[in-house]
């Protein structure tokens, strides 16, 4: 009777030893290109569902929100589908959706390649988050600290450092500071002129960027303000002028955006190795507003959901008979937030301009 070579008997044990060896190595998270993850701070423009898990009336975890996501999932995004940061993550070759940090359905393994700490209704100013009891920006920063600790425990110090330093950080906030806070309540407007309030917010931006820089961030995009006066809610309130865009609000956005560019330049000079860009969404937004047919859009002044004039959140629900059938024809999904189609346009513009710095 022929005997098997001894190597055949040892092969299963050899393979097991190899598997055990690799299992003991630190976990390496691989993403395409030079960007390891997209890490997001800000407001409803980038909230992937964190508000679902806090006590606030500002939620969108019900239909028709999310109706154009796979399976019609209302994730808590204030949109009919995906938002700009989802498209940005996909464009970097990472993943098609960025999860919310407070969503228990996800783990640190999911967050290692992208996470959103954003909260709808928040702003740079702490007083803005108090209006609707949402997560203030300083708390988003605390969540990032917690994330770093969890990431280090999961992937090991060296790999966690690589992920943190090679991630692209997106900050999108400021609109609520003006529209929900400064122009709605007397607290800030009685204490600051508009120009002074802009300076107040920009000081917060500078401190925030310095904080995440010292925690390892090196690639950062600050999102400009949109044309705030063209939001359907503001057009509706401007009925005395035939519901056109409010030029005064748009002028504030342009002024703030110019100062944001200057602040970014100063940060680049002050923080060695920090690559700070400003993603200008104002210009492309106005281009779509002025020439919608060039982008396959037909309706610019009202939202798709409900009447599209003033509804968002709970006023935009599946029982409203007026919600449009094709959101791709609209810039806005509700009275405040863009459609998935518009978010895809904004993301593509960002990738072709400011974010090309990180490709």
Protein backbone atom coordinates (compact mmCIF):
# COMPACT_ATOMS: atom_id res chain seq x y z
CA UNK A 1 0.00 0.00 0.00
CA UNK A 2 1.42 3.40 -1.05
CA UNK A 3 1.99 5.98 1.63
CA UNK A 4 0.95 9.63 1.13
CA UNK A 5 3.81 12.12 1.25
CA UNK A 6 4.08 13.62 4.71
CA UNK A 7 3.52 17.09 3.24
CA UNK A 8 -0.07 16.10 2.35
CA UNK A 9 -0.75 15.31 6.00
CA UNK A 10 0.71 18.64 7.11
CA UNK A 11 -1.03 20.83 4.52
CA UNK A 12 -4.25 21.43 6.56
CA UNK A 13 -2.21 22.33 9.64
CA UNK A 14 0.03 24.62 7.55
CA UNK A 15 -2.97 26.45 6.08
CA UNK A 16 -4.49 26.84 9.54
CA UNK A 17 -1.28 28.38 10.85
CA UNK A 18 -1.24 30.86 7.94
CA UNK A 19 -4.86 31.89 8.62
CA UNK A 20 -4.18 32.34 12.32
CA UNK A 21 -1.12 34.47 11.51
CA UNK A 22 -3.04 36.85 9.27
CA UNK A 23 -5.97 36.98 11.68
CA UNK A 24 -3.60 38.26 14.37
CA UNK A 25 -2.36 41.17 12.23
CA UNK A 26 -3.90 44.66 12.64
CA UNK A 27 -6.95 45.13 10.42
CA UNK A 28 -6.24 47.17 7.28
CA UNK A 29 -9.09 49.09 5.70
CA UNK A 30 -8.50 49.51 1.98
CA UNK A 31 -10.13 52.21 -0.14
CA UNK A 32 -9.38 53.20 -3.70
CA UNK A 33 -6.92 56.01 -4.36
CA UNK A 34 -5.41 58.22 -1.68
CA UNK A 35 -8.60 58.84 0.32
CA UNK A 36 -9.33 56.34 3.08
CA UNK A 37 -12.72 57.66 4.21
CA UNK A 38 -15.10 60.62 4.02
CA UNK A 39 -15.84 62.05 7.47
CA UNK A 40 -18.70 64.52 7.72
CA UNK A 41 -19.76 67.30 10.10
CA UNK A 42 -22.63 69.74 9.76
CA UNK A 43 -26.36 70.12 9.31
CA UNK A 44 -29.29 68.57 7.39
CA UNK A 45 -27.47 68.90 4.07
CA UNK A 46 -25.17 66.08 5.25
CA UNK A 47 -27.11 64.36 8.07
CA UNK A 48 -27.46 60.68 7.16
CA UNK A 49 -29.85 59.96 10.02
CA UNK A 50 -28.33 61.04 13.34
CA UNK A 51 -31.46 63.01 14.22
CA UNK A 52 -33.40 59.73 14.21
CA UNK A 53 -31.68 58.91 17.51
CA UNK A 54 -32.13 62.13 19.48
CA UNK A 55 -35.17 63.89 20.94
CA UNK A 56 -36.13 66.52 18.39
CA UNK A 57 -39.06 67.30 16.11
CA UNK A 58 -36.68 67.73 13.18
CA UNK A 59 -36.72 64.25 11.66
CA UNK A 60 -37.23 62.68 8.24
CA UNK A 61 -37.29 58.96 9.03
CA UNK A 62 -40.60 58.40 7.27
CA UNK A 63 -41.86 58.30 3.72
CA UNK A 64 -41.81 59.95 1.24
CA UNK A 65 -38.29 60.85 2.42
CA UNK A 66 -35.98 58.24 0.96
CA UNK A 67 -38.58 57.03 -1.52
CA UNK A 68 -35.96 56.84 -4.32
CA UNK A 69 -33.39 54.92 -2.28
CA UNK A 70 -33.29 51.15 -2.76
CA UNK A 71 -36.52 49.82 -1.31
CA UNK A 72 -37.81 53.32 -0.59
CA UNK A 73 -35.86 53.55 2.68
CA UNK A 74 -36.48 56.65 4.84
CA UNK A 75 -33.03 56.75 6.42
CA UNK A 76 -33.28 60.17 8.02
CA UNK A 77 -31.72 61.98 5.07
CA UNK A 78 -33.72 65.10 4.23
CA UNK A 79 -34.02 64.06 0.61
CA UNK A 80 -35.84 61.67 -1.70
CA UNK A 81 -32.62 59.67 -2.08
CA UNK A 82 -28.90 60.05 -1.52
CA UNK A 83 -27.21 63.29 -0.50
CA UNK A 84 -24.06 64.98 -1.82
CA UNK A 85 -21.62 63.31 0.59
CA UNK A 86 -22.88 59.89 -0.50
CA UNK A 87 -22.04 60.75 -4.10
CA UNK A 88 -18.67 62.16 -3.04
CA UNK A 89 -17.81 58.96 -1.17
CA UNK A 90 -18.70 56.91 -4.23
CA UNK A 91 -16.66 59.20 -6.49
CA UNK A 92 -13.61 58.60 -4.29
CA UNK A 93 -14.14 54.88 -4.86
CA UNK A 94 -15.13 54.12 -1.28
CA UNK A 95 -18.84 53.32 -0.83
CA UNK A 96 -22.18 54.65 -2.11
CA UNK A 97 -23.66 55.70 1.25
CA UNK A 98 -22.09 57.23 4.36
CA UNK A 99 -23.76 55.99 7.57
CA UNK A 100 -24.86 58.08 10.53
CA UNK A 101 -22.67 57.65 13.60
CA UNK A 102 -25.63 57.20 15.98
CA UNK A 103 -27.28 54.51 13.86
CA UNK A 104 -26.97 51.22 15.81
CA UNK A 105 -27.29 49.23 12.59
CA UNK A 106 -23.66 50.11 11.79
CA UNK A 107 -20.39 49.22 13.50
CA UNK A 108 -16.92 50.71 13.65
CA UNK A 109 -16.04 48.50 10.69
CA UNK A 110 -18.62 50.43 8.63
CA UNK A 111 -17.50 53.79 10.02
CA UNK A 112 -13.85 53.09 9.22
CA UNK A 113 -14.46 54.02 5.57
CA UNK A 114 -16.78 56.95 6.20
CA UNK A 115 -19.13 58.36 8.80
CA UNK A 116 -21.43 61.33 9.32
CA UNK A 117 -21.68 63.13 12.67
CA UNK A 118 -24.01 65.77 11.20
CA UNK A 119 -27.32 66.81 12.71
CA UNK A 120 -30.18 68.48 10.85
CA UNK A 121 -30.95 71.92 12.24
CA UNK A 122 -27.52 72.61 13.68
CA UNK A 123 -25.06 75.36 12.82
CA UNK A 124 -21.67 76.74 13.76
CA UNK A 125 -23.34 78.76 16.52
CA UNK A 126 -24.38 76.74 19.61
CA UNK A 127 -27.51 78.87 19.87
CA UNK A 128 -28.67 77.54 16.51
CA UNK A 129 -28.70 73.93 17.70
CA UNK A 130 -30.77 75.01 20.71
CA UNK A 131 -33.65 76.17 18.50
CA UNK A 132 -34.81 72.64 17.67
CA UNK A 133 -32.84 70.73 20.29
CA UNK A 134 -30.39 69.10 17.91
CA UNK A 135 -26.71 68.13 18.15
CA UNK A 136 -24.41 71.17 18.44
CA UNK A 137 -21.15 71.27 16.53
CA UNK A 138 -19.05 70.82 19.69
CA UNK A 139 -20.93 67.56 20.35
CA UNK A 140 -20.20 66.39 16.82
CA UNK A 141 -16.56 66.99 17.69
CA UNK A 142 -16.98 64.85 20.82
CA UNK A 143 -18.40 62.06 18.67
CA UNK A 144 -15.31 62.32 16.47
CA UNK A 145 -13.06 61.89 19.51
CA UNK A 146 -15.04 58.81 20.49
CA UNK A 147 -14.78 57.54 16.92
CA UNK A 148 -10.99 57.89 16.99
CA UNK A 149 -10.77 55.81 20.15
CA UNK A 150 -13.02 53.10 18.72
CA UNK A 151 -11.11 53.12 15.45
CA UNK A 152 -7.79 52.70 17.25
CA UNK A 153 -9.14 49.76 19.25
CA UNK A 154 -10.51 48.18 16.08
CA UNK A 155 -7.72 48.74 13.56
CA UNK A 156 -4.67 49.40 15.72
CA UNK A 157 -2.85 52.72 16.28
CA UNK A 158 -0.87 52.73 13.03
CA UNK A 159 -3.83 51.92 10.80
CA UNK A 160 -6.13 54.31 12.68
CA UNK A 161 -3.58 57.09 12.17
CA UNK A 162 -3.47 56.31 8.44
CA UNK A 163 -7.25 56.40 8.12
CA UNK A 164 -7.59 59.65 10.07
CA UNK A 165 -4.81 61.43 8.17
CA UNK A 166 -5.89 60.23 4.71
CA UNK A 167 -9.61 60.90 5.14
CA UNK A 168 -11.38 63.81 3.48
CA UNK A 169 -13.32 65.88 6.01
CA UNK A 170 -16.45 67.67 4.82
CA UNK A 171 -18.01 70.45 6.88
CA UNK A 172 -21.37 71.78 5.68
CA UNK A 173 -23.09 74.30 7.94
CA UNK A 174 -24.03 77.95 8.27
CA UNK A 175 -27.39 78.19 6.52
CA UNK A 176 -29.33 77.49 9.72
CA UNK A 177 -27.27 80.06 11.60
CA UNK A 178 -28.74 82.76 9.39
CA UNK A 179 -32.15 81.44 8.32
CA UNK A 180 -33.17 79.59 11.48
CA UNK A 181 -31.41 81.72 14.06
CA UNK A 182 -30.23 85.21 13.11
CA UNK A 183 -33.21 86.26 10.97
CA UNK A 184 -35.84 84.41 13.01
CA UNK A 185 -35.01 85.22 16.63
CA UNK A 186 -33.84 88.53 18.13
CA UNK A 187 -31.07 87.10 20.31
CA UNK A 188 -28.22 87.25 17.79
CA UNK A 189 -29.59 90.03 15.59
CA UNK A 190 -29.86 92.34 18.61
CA UNK A 191 -26.26 91.59 19.57
CA UNK A 192 -24.55 91.52 16.17
CA UNK A 193 -24.81 93.25 12.84
CA UNK A 194 -24.81 90.80 9.94
CA UNK A 195 -21.13 91.50 9.31
CA UNK A 196 -20.30 90.97 12.99
CA UNK A 197 -22.25 87.71 13.03
CA UNK A 198 -20.34 86.51 9.98
CA UNK A 199 -17.11 87.21 11.86
CA UNK A 200 -18.46 85.41 14.92
CA UNK A 201 -19.22 82.30 12.84
CA UNK A 202 -15.89 82.39 11.02
CA UNK A 203 -14.05 82.43 14.35
CA UNK A 204 -15.90 79.22 15.23
CA UNK A 205 -14.94 77.73 11.86
CA UNK A 206 -11.27 78.51 12.48
CA UNK A 207 -11.33 76.98 15.96
CA UNK A 208 -13.14 73.88 14.73
CA UNK A 209 -10.67 73.31 11.90
CA UNK A 210 -7.75 73.74 14.31
CA UNK A 211 -9.31 71.16 16.66
CA UNK A 212 -9.68 68.43 14.05
CA UNK A 213 -6.24 69.29 12.66
CA UNK A 214 -4.71 68.56 16.05
CA UNK A 215 -6.63 65.27 16.06
CA UNK A 216 -5.03 64.26 12.77
CA UNK A 217 -7.15 65.70 9.95
CA UNK A 218 -5.17 66.88 6.93
CA UNK A 219 -7.67 67.10 4.04
CA UNK A 220 -10.65 69.37 4.60
CA UNK A 221 -13.46 70.87 2.57
CA UNK A 222 -15.50 73.78 3.91
CA UNK A 223 -18.81 74.02 2.08
CA UNK A 224 -19.95 77.50 1.12
CA UNK A 225 -23.43 78.80 1.82
CA UNK A 226 -26.01 78.20 -0.91
CA UNK A 227 -28.13 81.02 -2.36
CA UNK A 228 -30.28 81.18 0.78
CA UNK A 229 -32.73 83.61 -0.72
CA UNK A 230 -33.73 81.05 -3.36
CA UNK A 231 -34.93 78.41 -0.91
CA UNK A 232 -38.66 77.75 -1.57
CA UNK A 233 -39.50 78.73 2.00
CA UNK A 234 -37.86 82.14 1.51
CA UNK A 235 -39.50 82.59 -1.90
CA UNK A 236 -42.87 81.81 -0.29
CA UNK A 237 -42.26 84.44 2.39
CA UNK A 238 -41.31 86.93 -0.34
CA UNK A 239 -44.83 86.92 -1.85
CA UNK A 240 -44.92 90.72 -1.96
CA UNK A 241 -42.29 90.49 -4.70
CA UNK A 242 -43.87 87.67 -6.69
CA UNK A 243 -41.96 85.01 -4.73
CA UNK A 244 -38.63 85.61 -6.45
CA UNK A 245 -35.29 84.93 -4.73
CA UNK A 246 -34.48 87.29 -1.90
CA UNK A 247 -31.45 89.27 -3.04
CA UNK A 248 -30.61 90.46 0.48
CA UNK A 249 -30.20 86.89 1.77
CA UNK A 250 -28.18 85.90 -1.29
CA UNK A 251 -25.93 88.92 -0.79
CA UNK A 252 -25.20 87.74 2.77
CA UNK A 253 -24.32 84.29 1.43
CA UNK A 254 -21.93 85.76 -1.14
CA UNK A 255 -20.26 87.97 1.45
CA UNK A 256 -19.85 85.11 3.93
CA UNK A 257 -18.48 82.83 1.20
CA UNK A 258 -15.82 85.36 0.23
CA UNK A 259 -14.75 85.61 3.87
CA UNK A 260 -14.75 81.82 4.13
CA UNK A 261 -12.27 81.67 1.24
CA UNK A 262 -10.03 84.13 3.08
CA UNK A 263 -10.32 82.11 6.29
CA UNK A 264 -9.34 78.93 4.43
CA UNK A 265 -6.24 80.62 3.00
CA UNK A 266 -5.24 81.76 6.49
CA UNK A 267 -5.73 78.27 7.90
CA UNK A 268 -3.53 76.79 5.18
CA UNK A 269 -0.74 79.16 6.19
CA UNK A 270 -1.16 78.58 9.93
CA UNK A 271 -1.55 74.77 10.02
CA UNK A 272 1.43 72.98 8.42
CA UNK A 273 0.36 70.16 6.12
CA UNK A 274 -3.34 71.05 6.36
CA UNK A 275 -4.96 71.15 2.91
CA UNK A 276 -8.10 73.28 3.25
CA UNK A 277 -10.38 73.97 0.31
CA UNK A 278 -13.72 75.74 0.00
CA UNK A 279 -16.34 73.92 -2.03
CA UNK A 280 -18.32 76.66 -3.74
CA UNK A 281 -21.90 75.43 -4.11
CA UNK A 282 -23.35 78.94 -4.50
CA UNK A 283 -22.16 79.44 -8.08
CA UNK A 284 -23.26 76.08 -9.48
CA UNK A 285 -26.57 76.36 -7.61
CA UNK A 286 -27.32 79.69 -9.28
CA UNK A 287 -26.29 78.28 -12.66
CA UNK A 288 -28.85 75.52 -12.27
CA UNK A 289 -31.46 78.02 -11.05
CA UNK A 290 -30.87 80.34 -14.00
CA UNK A 291 -30.52 77.61 -16.67
CA UNK A 292 -32.33 74.54 -15.32
CA UNK A 293 -32.93 72.88 -18.70
CA UNK A 294 -29.17 72.51 -19.19
CA UNK A 295 -29.23 70.13 -16.21
CA UNK A 296 -32.44 68.30 -17.04
CA UNK A 297 -34.41 70.24 -14.44
CA UNK A 298 -37.73 71.99 -15.00
CA UNK A 299 -38.89 73.44 -11.66
CA UNK A 300 -36.73 75.70 -9.51
CA UNK A 301 -39.01 77.72 -7.22
CA UNK A 302 -40.92 75.08 -5.24
CA UNK A 303 -40.13 71.67 -3.81
CA UNK A 304 -41.44 68.31 -4.91
CA UNK A 305 -42.90 67.27 -1.57
CA UNK A 306 -46.41 68.46 -0.65
CA UNK A 307 -47.08 71.94 -2.12
CA UNK A 308 -43.32 72.58 -2.07
CA UNK A 309 -43.84 76.05 -0.63
CA UNK A 310 -43.17 75.72 3.11
CA UNK A 311 -43.30 72.04 4.08
CA UNK A 312 -40.41 70.01 5.43
CA UNK A 313 -40.06 67.34 8.11
CA UNK A 314 -43.43 66.15 9.44
CA UNK A 315 -45.33 68.48 7.09
CA UNK A 316 -43.88 66.47 4.22
CA UNK A 317 -45.45 63.04 4.68
CA UNK A 318 -46.71 60.24 2.46
CA UNK A 319 -50.34 61.25 2.95
CA UNK A 320 -49.94 64.58 1.20
CA UNK A 321 -51.65 64.34 -2.20
CA UNK A 322 -49.60 67.10 -3.83
CA UNK A 323 -46.15 65.45 -3.81
CA UNK A 324 -44.73 65.22 -7.33
CA UNK A 325 -44.14 61.92 -9.11
CA UNK A 326 -40.70 62.73 -10.57
CA UNK A 327 -38.32 64.50 -8.19
CA UNK A 328 -35.60 64.61 -10.89
CA UNK A 329 -37.42 67.56 -12.45
CA UNK A 330 -36.92 69.66 -9.33
CA UNK A 331 -34.02 71.43 -7.63
CA UNK A 332 -35.73 71.05 -4.25
CA UNK A 333 -37.25 68.03 -2.56
CA UNK A 334 -38.98 69.99 0.23
CA UNK A 335 -39.01 73.71 1.01
CA UNK A 336 -35.43 73.68 2.26
CA UNK A 337 -33.51 70.69 0.91
CA UNK A 338 -32.37 69.65 -2.57
CA UNK A 339 -33.43 66.54 -4.44
CA UNK A 340 -31.10 63.64 -5.03
CA UNK A 341 -30.70 64.92 -8.59
CA UNK A 342 -29.52 68.33 -7.36
CA UNK A 343 -27.21 66.76 -4.78
CA UNK A 344 -25.61 64.69 -7.54
CA UNK A 345 -25.00 67.88 -9.55
CA UNK A 346 -23.43 69.59 -6.52
CA UNK A 347 -21.24 66.56 -5.79
CA UNK A 348 -20.05 66.25 -9.37
CA UNK A 349 -19.18 69.95 -9.40
CA UNK A 350 -17.26 69.54 -6.12
CA UNK A 351 -15.30 66.57 -7.47
CA UNK A 352 -14.41 68.52 -10.63
CA UNK A 353 -13.25 71.59 -8.69
CA UNK A 354 -12.26 71.82 -5.02
CA UNK A 355 -12.19 68.10 -4.17
CA UNK A 356 -9.99 67.30 -7.18
CA UNK A 357 -7.21 68.48 -4.84
CA UNK A 358 -7.52 65.18 -2.99
CA UNK A 359 -7.74 62.73 -5.92
